[in-house]
Amino acid sequence: MSTNRNENSLILFVNFAGVALAYGLLGVSLWLSVDVPLATKGFWGMGIVLLTISLINVVKYKFDMRIAEDRISRIEEARNEKMLEEALNTDL
């Protein structure tokens, strides 16, 4: 279990570093581009921030749906086990 946690933390670190690098390079690109007016730079920046927030929300809701489905299936399995156990106990 701890090995899996270490692998996940490494993958998360690489992903966060990639996102930070992408934002940094995009910021430098927007800052240094002299042909693009400031209003357009701001519009692109707001679009990227809103896209990032939307993607975070999509991932969060997908994760929440998976957890809810898992919880429901565990409840159903426990109920089925209890019903089987009660049926076996009443037959004896």
C-alpha atoms as a PDB file:
ATOM      1  CA  MET A   1       0.000   0.000   0.000  1.00  0.00           C
ATOM      2  CA  SER A   2       2.800   2.439   0.821  1.00  0.00           C
ATOM      3  CA  THR A   3       4.461   1.715  -2.532  1.00  0.00           C
ATOM      4  CA  ASN A   4       1.277   2.735  -4.328  1.00  0.00           C
ATOM      5  CA  ARG A   5       1.094   5.931  -2.287  1.00  0.00           C
ATOM      6  CA  ASN A   6       4.693   6.814  -3.196  1.00  0.00           C
ATOM      7  CA  GLU A   7       4.017   6.219  -6.884  1.00  0.00           C
ATOM      8  CA  ASN A   8       0.903   8.388  -6.734  1.00  0.00           C
ATOM      9  CA  SER A   9       2.734  11.205  -4.983  1.00  0.00           C
ATOM     10  CA  LEU A  10       5.478  11.114  -7.616  1.00  0.00           C
ATOM     11  CA  ILE A  11       2.919  11.210 -10.434  1.00  0.00           C
ATOM     12  CA  LEU A  12       1.073  14.077  -8.718  1.00  0.00           C
ATOM     13  CA  PHE A  13       4.320  15.995  -8.254  1.00  0.00           C
ATOM     14  CA  VAL A  14       5.241  15.565 -11.933  1.00  0.00           C
ATOM     15  CA  ASN A  15       1.764  16.670 -13.005  1.00  0.00           C
ATOM     16  CA  PHE A  16       1.799  19.730 -10.734  1.00  0.00           C
ATOM     17  CA  ALA A  17       5.281  20.623 -11.944  1.00  0.00           C
ATOM     18  CA  GLY A  18       4.113  20.290 -15.549  1.00  0.00           C
ATOM     19  CA  VAL A  19       1.122  22.533 -14.936  1.00  0.00           C
ATOM     20  CA  ALA A  20       3.266  25.115 -13.137  1.00  0.00           C
ATOM     21  CA  LEU A  21       5.803  25.032 -15.971  1.00  0.00           C
ATOM     22  CA  ALA A  22       3.054  25.418 -18.578  1.00  0.00           C
ATOM     23  CA  TYR A  23       1.576  28.390 -16.713  1.00  0.00           C
ATOM     24  CA  GLY A  24       5.023  29.937 -16.316  1.00  0.00           C
ATOM     25  CA  LEU A  25       5.901  29.555 -19.988  1.00  0.00           C
ATOM     26  CA  LEU A  26       2.486  30.851 -21.021  1.00  0.00           C
ATOM     27  CA  GLY A  27       2.882  33.859 -18.729  1.00  0.00           C
ATOM     28  CA  VAL A  28       6.335  34.626 -20.125  1.00  0.00           C
ATOM     29  CA  SER A  29       4.998  34.208 -23.661  1.00  0.00           C
ATOM     30  CA  LEU A  30       2.131  36.622 -23.021  1.00  0.00           C
ATOM     31  CA  TRP A  31       4.399  39.083 -21.203  1.00  0.00           C
ATOM     32  CA  LEU A  32       7.020  39.196 -23.945  1.00  0.00           C
ATOM     33  CA  SER A  33       4.684  39.261 -26.951  1.00  0.00           C
ATOM     34  CA  VAL A  34       4.648  42.873 -28.074  1.00  0.00           C
ATOM     35  CA  ASP A  35       2.336  42.368 -31.068  1.00  0.00           C
ATOM     36  CA  VAL A  36      -0.627  41.378 -28.893  1.00  0.00           C
ATOM     37  CA  PRO A  37      -2.553  44.172 -27.127  1.00  0.00           C
ATOM     38  CA  LEU A  38      -2.928  44.050 -23.342  1.00  0.00           C
ATOM     39  CA  ALA A  39      -6.696  43.463 -23.558  1.00  0.00           C
ATOM     40  CA  THR A  40      -6.141  40.326 -25.622  1.00  0.00           C
ATOM     41  CA  LYS A  41      -3.517  39.084 -23.174  1.00  0.00           C
ATOM     42  CA  GLY A  42      -5.967  39.552 -20.311  1.00  0.00           C
ATOM     43  CA  PHE A  43      -8.701  37.759 -22.233  1.00  0.00           C
ATOM     44  CA  TRP A  44      -6.408  34.791 -22.908  1.00  0.00           C
ATOM     45  CA  GLY A  45      -5.317  34.736 -19.275  1.00  0.00           C
ATOM     46  CA  MET A  46      -8.905  34.747 -17.985  1.00  0.00           C
ATOM     47  CA  GLY A  47      -9.841  32.005 -20.440  1.00  0.00           C
ATOM     48  CA  ILE A  48      -7.000  29.792 -19.267  1.00  0.00           C
ATOM     49  CA  VAL A  49      -7.838  30.328 -15.594  1.00  0.00           C
ATOM     50  CA  LEU A  50     -11.532  29.542 -16.191  1.00  0.00           C
ATOM     51  CA  LEU A  51     -10.627  26.462 -18.229  1.00  0.00           C
ATOM     52  CA  THR A  52      -8.414  25.248 -15.397  1.00  0.00           C
ATOM     53  CA  ILE A  53     -11.202  25.738 -12.847  1.00  0.00           C
ATOM     54  CA  SER A  54     -13.642  23.879 -15.102  1.00  0.00           C
ATOM     55  CA  LEU A  55     -11.267  20.957 -15.527  1.00  0.00           C
ATOM     56  CA  ILE A  56     -10.724  20.737 -11.769  1.00  0.00           C
ATOM     57  CA  ASN A  57     -14.501  20.670 -11.240  1.00  0.00           C
ATOM     58  CA  VAL A  58     -14.992  17.954 -13.870  1.00  0.00           C
ATOM     59  CA  VAL A  59     -12.355  15.753 -12.245  1.00  0.00           C
ATOM     60  CA  LYS A  60     -13.822  16.371  -8.773  1.00  0.00           C
ATOM     61  CA  TYR A  61     -17.367  15.487  -9.838  1.00  0.00           C
ATOM     62  CA  LYS A  62     -16.204  12.363 -11.696  1.00  0.00           C
ATOM     63  CA  PHE A  63     -14.270  11.306  -8.576  1.00  0.00           C
ATOM     64  CA  ASP A  64     -17.312  11.974  -6.354  1.00  0.00           C
ATOM     65  CA  MET A  65     -19.534   9.917  -8.681  1.00  0.00           C
ATOM     66  CA  ARG A  66     -17.083   7.016  -8.558  1.00  0.00           C
ATOM     67  CA  ILE A  67     -16.961   7.140  -4.758  1.00  0.00           C
ATOM     68  CA  ALA A  68     -20.774   7.205  -4.560  1.00  0.00           C
ATOM     69  CA  GLU A  69     -21.074   4.213  -6.902  1.00  0.00           C
ATOM     70  CA  ASP A  70     -18.482   2.320  -4.874  1.00  0.00           C
ATOM     71  CA  ARG A  71     -20.290   3.099  -1.631  1.00  0.00           C
ATOM     72  CA  ILE A  72     -23.634   1.922  -3.066  1.00  0.00           C
ATOM     73  CA  SER A  73     -22.107  -1.327  -4.329  1.00  0.00           C
ATOM     74  CA  ARG A  74     -20.510  -1.999  -0.915  1.00  0.00           C
ATOM     75  CA  ILE A  75     -23.860  -1.409   0.808  1.00  0.00           C
ATOM     76  CA  GLU A  76     -25.585  -3.784  -1.624  1.00  0.00           C
ATOM     77  CA  GLU A  77     -22.901  -6.433  -1.090  1.00  0.00           C
ATOM     78  CA  ALA A  78     -23.248  -6.153   2.687  1.00  0.00           C
ATOM     79  CA  ARG A  79     -27.038  -6.407   2.425  1.00  0.00           C
ATOM     80  CA  ASN A  80     -26.784  -9.485   0.200  1.00  0.00           C
ATOM     81  CA  GLU A  81     -24.316 -11.120   2.598  1.00  0.00           C
ATOM     82  CA  LYS A  82     -26.620 -10.440   5.530  1.00  0.00           C
ATOM     83  CA  MET A  83     -29.606 -11.877   3.655  1.00  0.00           C
ATOM     84  CA  LEU A  84     -27.622 -15.010   2.768  1.00  0.00           C
ATOM     85  CA  GLU A  85     -26.432 -15.377   6.332  1.00  0.00           C
ATOM     86  CA  GLU A  86     -29.977 -15.044   7.681  1.00  0.00           C
ATOM     87  CA  ALA A  87     -31.282 -17.559   5.123  1.00  0.00           C
ATOM     88  CA  LEU A  88     -28.601 -20.079   6.102  1.00  0.00           C
ATOM     89  CA  ASN A  89     -29.265 -19.565   9.821  1.00  0.00           C
ATOM     90  CA  THR A  90     -33.020 -20.091   9.470  1.00  0.00           C
ATOM     91  CA  ASP A  91     -32.514 -23.348   7.552  1.00  0.00           C
ATOM     92  CA  LEU A  92     -30.536 -24.873  10.419  1.00  0.00           C
END
